Amino acid sequence: MKRFLLLAAAVSLLTGGCGTQAAGTASTSAPSSARLPSDGAPAVTDPITATASVEADPCGAIPTAEIEAIGGKVERFRTVDLSEGLNCSWLFLEAPSTVSAGLVVGNKDGLSALYAQNATGGLTTFRPVDPVGGHPAVIYANGSEGRGTCTLAVGIRDDLVYTVIPHLSSGNPMVDDPCGMATKVAAAAIKNLKRS
């Protein structure tokens, strides 16, 4: 249960402060696509628009066999209903480790929300990383850093991110590289989303 609460807290980071504006800027009613990206976030040059099936069924984004090739035998998986969208949580058999992933549909500002939070000092970790499947990505946290843990957000469109959060214990072979695991999971999801 603690892991799911941590996941909910991490996902909520993506929307906290999204409605704030920098001093001197005027409010606009322009759609997200017209005002994004912002706050220094990179543009998503190859946006994926067919996301409805994964929004409804996050576990369908990646076949179990692909998850097992990345992190080991899966004991079970389930859909978790978070305030910002549905996530899939996979529990590994070898150790009490999980990886959770999904589209953060409640965040209408995509990666720009994280860039804005970082600009105001709202994050304790913020590191743009190499693109995943051709899509811009950021590793971030707000005090939840630790061994076996990583939070990766990948821009699917300028107004949508796919977030992956491993929580790995010492028995998991990827415990010392949770961000590597997150990258592999995100790459598999993006590959499958592009096939939709």
N, C-alpha and C. Protein backbone atom coordinates (compact mmCIF):
# COMPACT_ATOMS: atom_id res chain seq x y z
N MET A 1 0.82 -1.19 0.00
CA MET A 1 0.00 0.00 0.00
C MET A 1 0.86 1.26 0.00
N LYS A 2 1.98 1.20 0.76
CA LYS A 2 2.88 2.35 0.83
C LYS A 2 3.40 2.72 -0.56
N ARG A 3 3.71 1.70 -1.37
CA ARG A 3 4.23 1.99 -2.71
C ARG A 3 3.19 2.70 -3.56
N PHE A 4 1.94 2.30 -3.42
CA PHE A 4 0.89 2.94 -4.21
C PHE A 4 0.68 4.38 -3.75
N LEU A 5 0.82 4.63 -2.44
CA LEU A 5 0.72 6.00 -1.95
C LEU A 5 1.88 6.85 -2.48
N LEU A 6 3.07 6.26 -2.50
CA LEU A 6 4.21 6.98 -3.07
C LEU A 6 3.99 7.28 -4.54
N LEU A 7 3.42 6.33 -5.27
CA LEU A 7 3.13 6.54 -6.68
C LEU A 7 2.13 7.67 -6.86
N ALA A 8 1.08 7.66 -6.02
CA ALA A 8 0.08 8.72 -6.11
C ALA A 8 0.71 10.09 -5.85
N ALA A 9 1.62 10.13 -4.86
CA ALA A 9 2.29 11.39 -4.55
C ALA A 9 3.17 11.84 -5.71
N ALA A 10 3.86 10.89 -6.33
CA ALA A 10 4.73 11.25 -7.46
C ALA A 10 3.92 11.76 -8.63
N VAL A 11 2.82 11.10 -8.91
CA VAL A 11 1.98 11.53 -10.03
C VAL A 11 1.39 12.90 -9.75
N SER A 12 1.04 13.17 -8.48
CA SER A 12 0.45 14.47 -8.16
C SER A 12 1.44 15.61 -8.35
N LEU A 13 2.73 15.30 -8.33
CA LEU A 13 3.74 16.34 -8.60
C LEU A 13 3.55 16.95 -9.97
N LEU A 14 3.05 16.16 -10.91
CA LEU A 14 2.92 16.64 -12.26
C LEU A 14 1.84 17.70 -12.42
N THR A 15 0.91 17.77 -11.48
CA THR A 15 -0.13 18.78 -11.62
C THR A 15 -0.05 19.87 -10.57
N GLY A 16 0.69 19.64 -9.50
CA GLY A 16 0.81 20.68 -8.48
C GLY A 16 1.49 21.90 -9.06
N GLY A 17 0.82 23.00 -9.05
CA GLY A 17 1.41 24.24 -9.55
C GLY A 17 1.22 24.44 -11.04
N CYS A 18 0.50 23.54 -11.71
CA CYS A 18 0.32 23.70 -13.15
C CYS A 18 -0.47 24.94 -13.48
N GLY A 19 -1.34 25.38 -12.56
CA GLY A 19 -2.19 26.52 -12.84
C GLY A 19 -1.53 27.85 -12.52
N THR A 20 -0.33 27.85 -11.98
CA THR A 20 0.32 29.11 -11.64
C THR A 20 0.94 29.72 -12.87
N GLN A 21 1.11 31.04 -12.83
CA GLN A 21 1.71 31.75 -13.95
C GLN A 21 2.88 32.56 -13.45
N ALA A 22 3.82 32.79 -14.32
CA ALA A 22 4.94 33.66 -13.97
C ALA A 22 4.43 35.09 -13.88
N ALA A 23 5.08 35.87 -13.02
CA ALA A 23 4.68 37.27 -12.86
C ALA A 23 4.77 37.98 -14.19
N GLY A 24 3.75 38.77 -14.48
CA GLY A 24 3.78 39.57 -15.70
C GLY A 24 3.18 38.88 -16.90
N THR A 25 2.76 37.62 -16.76
CA THR A 25 2.16 36.95 -17.91
C THR A 25 0.65 37.09 -17.84
N ALA A 26 0.03 37.16 -18.97
CA ALA A 26 -1.42 37.31 -19.03
C ALA A 26 -2.07 35.94 -19.13
N SER A 27 -3.25 35.84 -18.55
CA SER A 27 -4.02 34.60 -18.66
C SER A 27 -4.47 34.43 -20.10
N THR A 28 -4.54 33.20 -20.53
CA THR A 28 -4.96 32.94 -21.91
C THR A 28 -5.92 31.77 -21.93
N SER A 29 -6.82 31.81 -22.88
CA SER A 29 -7.75 30.69 -23.03
C SER A 29 -7.35 29.82 -24.20
N ALA A 30 -6.13 30.01 -24.69
CA ALA A 30 -5.65 29.21 -25.82
C ALA A 30 -5.57 27.74 -25.42
N PRO A 31 -5.86 26.84 -26.33
CA PRO A 31 -5.73 25.42 -26.01
C PRO A 31 -4.29 25.06 -25.72
N SER A 32 -4.11 23.93 -25.00
CA SER A 32 -2.76 23.50 -24.62
C SER A 32 -1.82 23.46 -25.81
N SER A 33 -2.31 22.94 -26.93
CA SER A 33 -1.44 22.78 -28.10
C SER A 33 -0.90 24.11 -28.59
N ALA A 34 -1.62 25.21 -28.32
CA ALA A 34 -1.18 26.53 -28.78
C ALA A 34 -0.15 27.15 -27.85
N ARG A 35 -0.14 26.75 -26.58
CA ARG A 35 0.75 27.40 -25.62
C ARG A 35 1.88 26.50 -25.13
N LEU A 36 1.92 25.27 -25.60
CA LEU A 36 2.94 24.32 -25.17
C LEU A 36 3.89 24.00 -26.31
N PRO A 37 5.13 23.68 -26.00
CA PRO A 37 5.71 23.60 -24.66
C PRO A 37 5.99 24.99 -24.09
N SER A 38 6.24 25.00 -22.78
CA SER A 38 6.55 26.25 -22.09
C SER A 38 7.61 25.98 -21.02
N ASP A 39 8.06 27.03 -20.39
CA ASP A 39 9.01 26.96 -19.27
C ASP A 39 10.31 26.24 -19.63
N GLY A 40 10.69 26.26 -20.91
CA GLY A 40 11.94 25.65 -21.34
C GLY A 40 11.85 24.17 -21.69
N ALA A 41 10.66 23.59 -21.60
CA ALA A 41 10.50 22.17 -21.94
C ALA A 41 10.68 21.97 -23.44
N PRO A 42 11.27 20.84 -23.83
CA PRO A 42 11.42 20.57 -25.26
C PRO A 42 10.08 20.19 -25.89
N ALA A 43 9.96 20.47 -27.17
CA ALA A 43 8.77 20.08 -27.91
C ALA A 43 8.81 18.58 -28.20
N VAL A 44 7.65 17.96 -28.23
CA VAL A 44 7.54 16.57 -28.65
C VAL A 44 7.31 16.60 -30.16
N THR A 45 8.33 16.26 -30.91
CA THR A 45 8.29 16.43 -32.36
C THR A 45 7.57 15.29 -33.08
N ASP A 46 7.36 14.17 -32.40
CA ASP A 46 6.65 13.03 -33.00
C ASP A 46 5.53 12.59 -32.06
N PRO A 47 4.51 13.45 -31.87
CA PRO A 47 3.47 13.15 -30.88
C PRO A 47 2.66 11.90 -31.23
N ILE A 48 2.26 11.19 -30.18
CA ILE A 48 1.41 10.01 -30.34
C ILE A 48 -0.01 10.42 -29.95
N THR A 49 -0.93 10.31 -30.89
CA THR A 49 -2.30 10.75 -30.62
C THR A 49 -3.22 9.60 -30.24
N ALA A 50 -2.92 8.39 -30.66
CA ALA A 50 -3.78 7.23 -30.37
C ALA A 50 -3.43 6.64 -29.01
N THR A 51 -3.95 7.27 -27.95
CA THR A 51 -3.61 6.84 -26.60
C THR A 51 -4.82 6.33 -25.81
N ALA A 52 -6.00 6.38 -26.38
CA ALA A 52 -7.23 6.05 -25.64
C ALA A 52 -7.20 4.64 -25.05
N SER A 53 -6.69 3.67 -25.80
CA SER A 53 -6.70 2.29 -25.30
C SER A 53 -5.80 2.14 -24.08
N VAL A 54 -4.66 2.81 -24.06
CA VAL A 54 -3.74 2.71 -22.92
C VAL A 54 -4.25 3.55 -21.75
N GLU A 55 -4.94 4.64 -22.04
CA GLU A 55 -5.56 5.42 -20.96
C GLU A 55 -6.57 4.55 -20.21
N ALA A 56 -7.32 3.73 -20.94
CA ALA A 56 -8.35 2.88 -20.33
C ALA A 56 -7.77 1.59 -19.75
N ASP A 57 -6.69 1.09 -20.34
CA ASP A 57 -6.08 -0.18 -19.93
C ASP A 57 -4.56 -0.04 -19.90
N PRO A 58 -4.02 0.56 -18.82
CA PRO A 58 -2.57 0.81 -18.78
C PRO A 58 -1.74 -0.46 -18.82
N CYS A 59 -2.26 -1.57 -18.32
CA CYS A 59 -1.50 -2.82 -18.35
C CYS A 59 -1.39 -3.37 -19.77
N GLY A 60 -2.29 -2.93 -20.65
CA GLY A 60 -2.23 -3.37 -22.04
C GLY A 60 -1.14 -2.68 -22.84
N ALA A 61 -0.49 -1.68 -22.26
CA ALA A 61 0.56 -0.96 -22.98
C ALA A 61 1.79 -1.83 -23.22
N ILE A 62 2.03 -2.78 -22.31
CA ILE A 62 3.23 -3.62 -22.41
C ILE A 62 2.85 -5.06 -22.05
N PRO A 63 3.05 -6.00 -22.96
CA PRO A 63 2.78 -7.40 -22.63
C PRO A 63 3.64 -7.87 -21.45
N THR A 64 3.09 -8.77 -20.65
CA THR A 64 3.81 -9.27 -19.48
C THR A 64 5.17 -9.85 -19.84
N ALA A 65 5.25 -10.52 -20.99
CA ALA A 65 6.53 -11.11 -21.41
C ALA A 65 7.61 -10.03 -21.57
N GLU A 66 7.22 -8.84 -22.05
CA GLU A 66 8.19 -7.76 -22.21
C GLU A 66 8.63 -7.21 -20.86
N ILE A 67 7.69 -7.08 -19.93
CA ILE A 67 8.04 -6.63 -18.58
C ILE A 67 8.97 -7.65 -17.92
N GLU A 68 8.70 -8.94 -18.09
CA GLU A 68 9.54 -9.98 -17.49
C GLU A 68 10.94 -9.98 -18.09
N ALA A 69 11.06 -9.67 -19.38
CA ALA A 69 12.38 -9.59 -20.01
C ALA A 69 13.21 -8.44 -19.42
N ILE A 70 12.51 -7.44 -18.88
CA ILE A 70 13.20 -6.28 -18.29
C ILE A 70 13.51 -6.50 -16.81
N GLY A 71 12.53 -7.00 -16.04
CA GLY A 71 12.69 -7.02 -14.60
C GLY A 71 12.54 -8.35 -13.90
N GLY A 72 12.32 -9.44 -14.64
CA GLY A 72 12.18 -10.74 -14.00
C GLY A 72 10.73 -11.21 -13.97
N LYS A 73 10.53 -12.37 -13.44
CA LYS A 73 9.21 -13.01 -13.42
C LYS A 73 8.19 -12.15 -12.67
N VAL A 74 7.03 -11.93 -13.31
CA VAL A 74 5.96 -11.14 -12.70
C VAL A 74 5.04 -12.08 -11.93
N GLU A 75 4.81 -11.76 -10.65
CA GLU A 75 3.89 -12.55 -9.83
C GLU A 75 2.44 -12.19 -10.16
N ARG A 76 2.18 -10.88 -10.24
CA ARG A 76 0.85 -10.42 -10.61
C ARG A 76 0.93 -8.96 -11.03
N PHE A 77 -0.14 -8.49 -11.66
CA PHE A 77 -0.22 -7.08 -12.01
C PHE A 77 -1.66 -6.63 -11.83
N ARG A 78 -1.82 -5.32 -11.66
CA ARG A 78 -3.16 -4.78 -11.49
C ARG A 78 -3.20 -3.32 -11.92
N THR A 79 -4.40 -2.88 -12.25
CA THR A 79 -4.63 -1.48 -12.58
C THR A 79 -4.90 -0.71 -11.30
N VAL A 80 -4.25 0.43 -11.17
CA VAL A 80 -4.42 1.29 -10.00
C VAL A 80 -5.05 2.60 -10.48
N ASP A 81 -6.14 2.98 -9.86
CA ASP A 81 -6.86 4.21 -10.23
C ASP A 81 -6.34 5.36 -9.38
N LEU A 82 -5.52 6.20 -9.99
CA LEU A 82 -4.98 7.38 -9.31
C LEU A 82 -5.76 8.61 -9.74
N SER A 83 -5.64 9.67 -9.00
CA SER A 83 -6.42 10.88 -9.31
C SER A 83 -6.09 11.46 -10.68
N GLU A 84 -4.89 11.20 -11.18
CA GLU A 84 -4.46 11.78 -12.45
C GLU A 84 -4.54 10.79 -13.62
N GLY A 85 -5.06 9.60 -13.38
CA GLY A 85 -5.19 8.61 -14.45
C GLY A 85 -4.92 7.21 -13.95
N LEU A 86 -5.15 6.24 -14.80
CA LEU A 86 -4.92 4.85 -14.44
C LEU A 86 -3.46 4.47 -14.66
N ASN A 87 -2.92 3.67 -13.75
CA ASN A 87 -1.57 3.14 -13.87
C ASN A 87 -1.63 1.62 -13.79
N CYS A 88 -0.60 0.97 -14.33
CA CYS A 88 -0.44 -0.46 -14.15
C CYS A 88 0.69 -0.67 -13.16
N SER A 89 0.49 -1.57 -12.21
CA SER A 89 1.53 -1.92 -11.25
C SER A 89 1.85 -3.40 -11.40
N TRP A 90 3.10 -3.68 -11.72
CA TRP A 90 3.58 -5.06 -11.85
C TRP A 90 4.38 -5.41 -10.60
N LEU A 91 4.05 -6.53 -9.95
CA LEU A 91 4.78 -7.03 -8.80
C LEU A 91 5.65 -8.20 -9.24
N PHE A 92 6.95 -8.12 -8.96
CA PHE A 92 7.88 -9.16 -9.38
C PHE A 92 7.97 -10.27 -8.35
N LEU A 93 8.17 -11.49 -8.82
CA LEU A 93 8.20 -12.68 -7.96
C LEU A 93 9.48 -12.77 -7.14
N GLU A 94 10.62 -12.43 -7.72
CA GLU A 94 11.91 -12.66 -7.08
C GLU A 94 12.10 -11.87 -5.80
N ALA A 95 11.49 -10.72 -5.70
CA ALA A 95 11.68 -9.86 -4.53
C ALA A 95 10.48 -8.95 -4.42
N PRO A 96 10.25 -8.34 -3.28
CA PRO A 96 9.12 -7.42 -3.17
C PRO A 96 9.39 -6.11 -3.92
N SER A 97 9.41 -6.21 -5.23
CA SER A 97 9.69 -5.06 -6.09
C SER A 97 8.52 -4.82 -7.02
N THR A 98 8.29 -3.55 -7.36
CA THR A 98 7.23 -3.21 -8.29
C THR A 98 7.73 -2.20 -9.30
N VAL A 99 7.03 -2.13 -10.42
CA VAL A 99 7.18 -1.01 -11.34
C VAL A 99 5.77 -0.60 -11.74
N SER A 100 5.52 0.70 -11.64
CA SER A 100 4.21 1.25 -11.99
C SER A 100 4.39 2.22 -13.13
N ALA A 101 3.41 2.22 -14.05
CA ALA A 101 3.53 3.08 -15.22
C ALA A 101 2.16 3.41 -15.78
N GLY A 102 2.08 4.57 -16.42
CA GLY A 102 0.83 4.95 -17.06
C GLY A 102 0.88 6.37 -17.59
N LEU A 103 -0.15 6.71 -18.35
CA LEU A 103 -0.31 8.05 -18.88
C LEU A 103 -0.93 8.94 -17.81
N VAL A 104 -0.37 10.12 -17.63
CA VAL A 104 -0.87 11.04 -16.61
C VAL A 104 -1.85 12.01 -17.29
N VAL A 105 -3.07 11.53 -17.51
CA VAL A 105 -4.05 12.30 -18.28
C VAL A 105 -4.53 13.54 -17.54
N GLY A 106 -4.38 13.58 -16.22
CA GLY A 106 -4.79 14.76 -15.46
C GLY A 106 -3.86 15.94 -15.61
N ASN A 107 -2.66 15.70 -16.12
CA ASN A 107 -1.69 16.76 -16.35
C ASN A 107 -1.81 17.20 -17.80
N LYS A 108 -2.41 18.36 -18.04
CA LYS A 108 -2.62 18.86 -19.41
C LYS A 108 -1.45 19.70 -19.91
N ASP A 109 -0.38 19.80 -19.10
CA ASP A 109 0.78 20.59 -19.52
C ASP A 109 2.00 19.73 -19.82
N GLY A 110 1.88 18.41 -19.76
CA GLY A 110 2.96 17.52 -20.12
C GLY A 110 4.26 17.81 -19.38
N LEU A 111 5.37 17.68 -20.09
CA LEU A 111 6.68 17.93 -19.47
C LEU A 111 6.83 19.38 -19.00
N SER A 112 6.08 20.29 -19.61
CA SER A 112 6.17 21.71 -19.21
C SER A 112 5.83 21.89 -17.74
N ALA A 113 4.94 21.04 -17.19
CA ALA A 113 4.59 21.13 -15.78
C ALA A 113 5.81 20.87 -14.90
N LEU A 114 6.63 19.90 -15.28
CA LEU A 114 7.83 19.58 -14.50
C LEU A 114 8.88 20.67 -14.64
N TYR A 115 9.04 21.20 -15.85
CA TYR A 115 9.99 22.28 -16.04
C TYR A 115 9.58 23.51 -15.22
N ALA A 116 8.28 23.77 -15.14
CA ALA A 116 7.79 24.89 -14.34
C ALA A 116 8.04 24.66 -12.86
N GLN A 117 7.77 23.44 -12.38
CA GLN A 117 8.03 23.13 -10.97
C GLN A 117 9.50 23.26 -10.63
N ASN A 118 10.35 22.79 -11.53
CA ASN A 118 11.78 22.89 -11.28
C ASN A 118 12.23 24.35 -11.22
N ALA A 119 11.67 25.19 -12.08
CA ALA A 119 12.05 26.61 -12.12
C ALA A 119 11.71 27.33 -10.82
N THR A 120 10.69 26.84 -10.12
CA THR A 120 10.30 27.48 -8.86
C THR A 120 10.87 26.76 -7.64
N GLY A 121 11.77 25.80 -7.85
CA GLY A 121 12.40 25.09 -6.75
C GLY A 121 11.53 24.01 -6.14
N GLY A 122 10.52 23.54 -6.87
CA GLY A 122 9.59 22.57 -6.34
C GLY A 122 10.02 21.12 -6.42
N LEU A 123 11.20 20.87 -6.98
CA LEU A 123 11.68 19.50 -7.12
C LEU A 123 13.06 19.36 -6.51
N THR A 124 13.32 18.21 -5.89
CA THR A 124 14.65 17.96 -5.32
C THR A 124 15.57 17.28 -6.31
N THR A 125 15.01 16.65 -7.32
CA THR A 125 15.78 16.09 -8.43
C THR A 125 15.10 16.49 -9.73
N PHE A 126 15.88 16.94 -10.68
CA PHE A 126 15.36 17.28 -12.00
C PHE A 126 16.50 17.10 -12.99
N ARG A 127 16.39 16.10 -13.84
CA ARG A 127 17.48 15.80 -14.77
C ARG A 127 16.93 15.40 -16.13
N PRO A 128 16.97 16.29 -17.12
CA PRO A 128 16.62 15.87 -18.47
C PRO A 128 17.59 14.78 -18.92
N VAL A 129 17.08 13.76 -19.56
CA VAL A 129 17.89 12.62 -20.00
C VAL A 129 17.71 12.41 -21.50
N ASP A 130 18.47 11.47 -22.03
CA ASP A 130 18.37 11.19 -23.46
C ASP A 130 16.94 10.81 -23.82
N PRO A 131 16.50 11.17 -25.03
CA PRO A 131 15.15 10.81 -25.46
C PRO A 131 14.92 9.29 -25.37
N VAL A 132 13.69 8.93 -25.08
CA VAL A 132 13.27 7.53 -25.00
C VAL A 132 12.35 7.27 -26.18
N GLY A 133 12.78 6.41 -27.08
CA GLY A 133 11.97 6.13 -28.27
C GLY A 133 11.74 7.38 -29.10
N GLY A 134 12.69 8.32 -29.08
CA GLY A 134 12.55 9.56 -29.82
C GLY A 134 11.76 10.63 -29.11
N HIS A 135 11.40 10.41 -27.84
CA HIS A 135 10.59 11.35 -27.08
C HIS A 135 11.38 11.93 -25.91
N PRO A 136 11.24 13.25 -25.67
CA PRO A 136 12.00 13.88 -24.58
C PRO A 136 11.60 13.31 -23.23
N ALA A 137 12.56 13.27 -22.30
CA ALA A 137 12.33 12.63 -21.01
C ALA A 137 13.05 13.36 -19.89
N VAL A 138 12.51 13.19 -18.67
CA VAL A 138 13.07 13.83 -17.48
C VAL A 138 12.99 12.84 -16.32
N ILE A 139 14.05 12.77 -15.53
CA ILE A 139 14.02 12.07 -14.24
C ILE A 139 13.81 13.14 -13.18
N TYR A 140 12.85 12.89 -12.28
CA TYR A 140 12.54 13.92 -11.28
C TYR A 140 12.10 13.28 -9.98
N ALA A 141 12.12 14.08 -8.92
CA ALA A 141 11.62 13.63 -7.61
C ALA A 141 11.40 14.85 -6.74
N ASN A 142 10.65 14.65 -5.69
CA ASN A 142 10.46 15.68 -4.68
C ASN A 142 10.63 15.05 -3.31
N GLY A 143 11.87 14.62 -3.02
CA GLY A 143 12.18 14.03 -1.74
C GLY A 143 12.00 12.54 -1.66
N SER A 144 11.67 11.89 -2.76
CA SER A 144 11.44 10.44 -2.72
C SER A 144 12.61 9.64 -3.28
N GLU A 145 13.77 10.28 -3.39
CA GLU A 145 14.93 9.59 -3.92
C GLU A 145 15.38 8.48 -2.98
N GLY A 146 15.99 7.45 -3.53
CA GLY A 146 16.50 6.37 -2.71
C GLY A 146 16.93 5.20 -3.58
N ARG A 147 17.68 4.28 -2.99
CA ARG A 147 18.15 3.12 -3.74
C ARG A 147 16.96 2.33 -4.29
N GLY A 148 17.04 1.98 -5.55
CA GLY A 148 16.00 1.17 -6.17
C GLY A 148 14.80 1.95 -6.65
N THR A 149 14.85 3.28 -6.55
CA THR A 149 13.70 4.10 -6.91
C THR A 149 14.10 5.13 -7.96
N CYS A 150 13.20 5.36 -8.91
CA CYS A 150 13.42 6.36 -9.95
C CYS A 150 12.05 6.77 -10.48
N THR A 151 11.90 8.04 -10.82
CA THR A 151 10.67 8.49 -11.48
C THR A 151 11.05 9.11 -12.81
N LEU A 152 10.54 8.53 -13.88
CA LEU A 152 10.84 8.97 -15.25
C LEU A 152 9.55 9.43 -15.90
N ALA A 153 9.56 10.61 -16.49
CA ALA A 153 8.42 11.10 -17.27
C ALA A 153 8.89 11.30 -18.71
N VAL A 154 8.12 10.77 -19.65
CA VAL A 154 8.45 10.87 -21.07
C VAL A 154 7.30 11.60 -21.77
N GLY A 155 7.65 12.61 -22.57
CA GLY A 155 6.64 13.36 -23.30
C GLY A 155 6.08 12.54 -24.45
N ILE A 156 4.80 12.20 -24.37
CA ILE A 156 4.12 11.48 -25.45
C ILE A 156 3.60 12.49 -26.47
N ARG A 157 3.06 13.58 -25.94
CA ARG A 157 2.68 14.77 -26.70
C ARG A 157 3.09 15.96 -25.84
N ASP A 158 2.97 17.16 -26.36
CA ASP A 158 3.29 18.34 -25.55
C ASP A 158 2.40 18.44 -24.32
N ASP A 159 1.20 17.83 -24.38
CA ASP A 159 0.25 17.93 -23.27
C ASP A 159 0.04 16.61 -22.53
N LEU A 160 0.95 15.64 -22.72
CA LEU A 160 0.75 14.33 -22.08
C LEU A 160 2.09 13.64 -21.83
N VAL A 161 2.24 13.06 -20.63
CA VAL A 161 3.44 12.30 -20.31
C VAL A 161 3.08 10.87 -19.93
N TYR A 162 4.04 9.99 -20.15
CA TYR A 162 3.98 8.61 -19.67
C TYR A 162 5.01 8.52 -18.55
N THR A 163 4.56 8.13 -17.36
CA THR A 163 5.45 8.09 -16.20
C THR A 163 5.70 6.66 -15.77
N VAL A 164 6.96 6.35 -15.44
CA VAL A 164 7.36 5.03 -14.96
C VAL A 164 8.07 5.20 -13.63
N ILE A 165 7.64 4.39 -12.61
CA ILE A 165 8.23 4.49 -11.28
C ILE A 165 8.55 3.10 -10.75
N PRO A 166 9.82 2.66 -10.84
CA PRO A 166 10.22 1.41 -10.19
C PRO A 166 10.48 1.64 -8.69
N HIS A 167 10.09 0.65 -7.89
CA HIS A 167 10.45 0.57 -6.47
C HIS A 167 11.05 -0.82 -6.29
N LEU A 168 12.38 -0.90 -6.34
CA LEU A 168 13.06 -2.19 -6.38
C LEU A 168 13.78 -2.49 -5.07
N SER A 169 13.66 -3.72 -4.62
CA SER A 169 14.34 -4.14 -3.39
C SER A 169 15.68 -4.78 -3.76
N SER A 170 16.45 -5.13 -2.74
CA SER A 170 17.81 -5.63 -2.96
C SER A 170 17.84 -6.94 -3.73
N GLY A 171 16.75 -7.69 -3.78
CA GLY A 171 16.75 -8.94 -4.53
C GLY A 171 16.53 -8.78 -6.01
N ASN A 172 16.18 -7.59 -6.46
CA ASN A 172 15.91 -7.38 -7.88
C ASN A 172 17.21 -7.10 -8.62
N PRO A 173 17.43 -7.74 -9.79
CA PRO A 173 18.68 -7.54 -10.51
C PRO A 173 18.90 -6.10 -10.99
N MET A 174 17.84 -5.29 -11.05
CA MET A 174 17.97 -3.91 -11.52
C MET A 174 18.01 -2.90 -10.37
N VAL A 175 18.19 -3.37 -9.13
CA VAL A 175 18.09 -2.48 -7.97
C VAL A 175 19.08 -1.32 -8.04
N ASP A 176 20.24 -1.53 -8.63
CA ASP A 176 21.23 -0.46 -8.71
C ASP A 176 21.07 0.40 -9.95
N ASP A 177 20.10 0.08 -10.79
CA ASP A 177 19.85 0.88 -11.99
C ASP A 177 18.34 1.02 -12.23
N PRO A 178 17.60 1.58 -11.26
CA PRO A 178 16.16 1.70 -11.45
C PRO A 178 15.78 2.63 -12.61
N CYS A 179 16.62 3.62 -12.87
CA CYS A 179 16.32 4.52 -13.99
C CYS A 179 16.52 3.81 -15.32
N GLY A 180 17.49 2.88 -15.35
CA GLY A 180 17.66 2.05 -16.55
C GLY A 180 16.44 1.19 -16.80
N MET A 181 15.88 0.64 -15.71
CA MET A 181 14.66 -0.16 -15.84
C MET A 181 13.51 0.72 -16.32
N ALA A 182 13.37 1.90 -15.72
CA ALA A 182 12.29 2.81 -16.11
C ALA A 182 12.38 3.17 -17.58
N THR A 183 13.59 3.39 -18.06
CA THR A 183 13.80 3.73 -19.47
C THR A 183 13.37 2.58 -20.38
N LYS A 184 13.72 1.35 -19.99
CA LYS A 184 13.34 0.19 -20.80
C LYS A 184 11.83 0.00 -20.83
N VAL A 185 11.17 0.20 -19.69
CA VAL A 185 9.71 0.07 -19.63
C VAL A 185 9.06 1.15 -20.50
N ALA A 186 9.53 2.38 -20.39
CA ALA A 186 8.97 3.47 -21.20
C ALA A 186 9.19 3.22 -22.68
N ALA A 187 10.37 2.73 -23.04
CA ALA A 187 10.64 2.45 -24.46
C ALA A 187 9.70 1.38 -25.00
N ALA A 188 9.42 0.35 -24.19
CA ALA A 188 8.49 -0.70 -24.63
C ALA A 188 7.09 -0.13 -24.80
N ALA A 189 6.65 0.72 -23.88
CA ALA A 189 5.33 1.33 -23.98
C ALA A 189 5.21 2.21 -25.21
N ILE A 190 6.22 3.01 -25.46
CA ILE A 190 6.19 3.91 -26.62
C ILE A 190 6.17 3.12 -27.91
N LYS A 191 6.96 2.07 -27.98
CA LYS A 191 6.96 1.21 -29.18
C LYS A 191 5.57 0.67 -29.45
N ASN A 192 4.90 0.20 -28.39
CA ASN A 192 3.57 -0.35 -28.56
C ASN A 192 2.51 0.71 -28.83
N LEU A 193 2.67 1.90 -28.23
CA LEU A 193 1.75 3.00 -28.52
C LEU A 193 1.84 3.42 -29.99
N LYS A 194 3.03 3.41 -30.54
CA LYS A 194 3.21 3.82 -31.94
C LYS A 194 2.59 2.80 -32.90
N ARG A 195 2.39 1.58 -32.44
CA ARG A 195 1.75 0.56 -33.29
C ARG A 195 0.23 0.71 -33.31
N SER A 196 -0.32 1.45 -32.34
CA SER A 196 -1.78 1.57 -32.22
C SER A 196 -2.39 2.32 -33.39
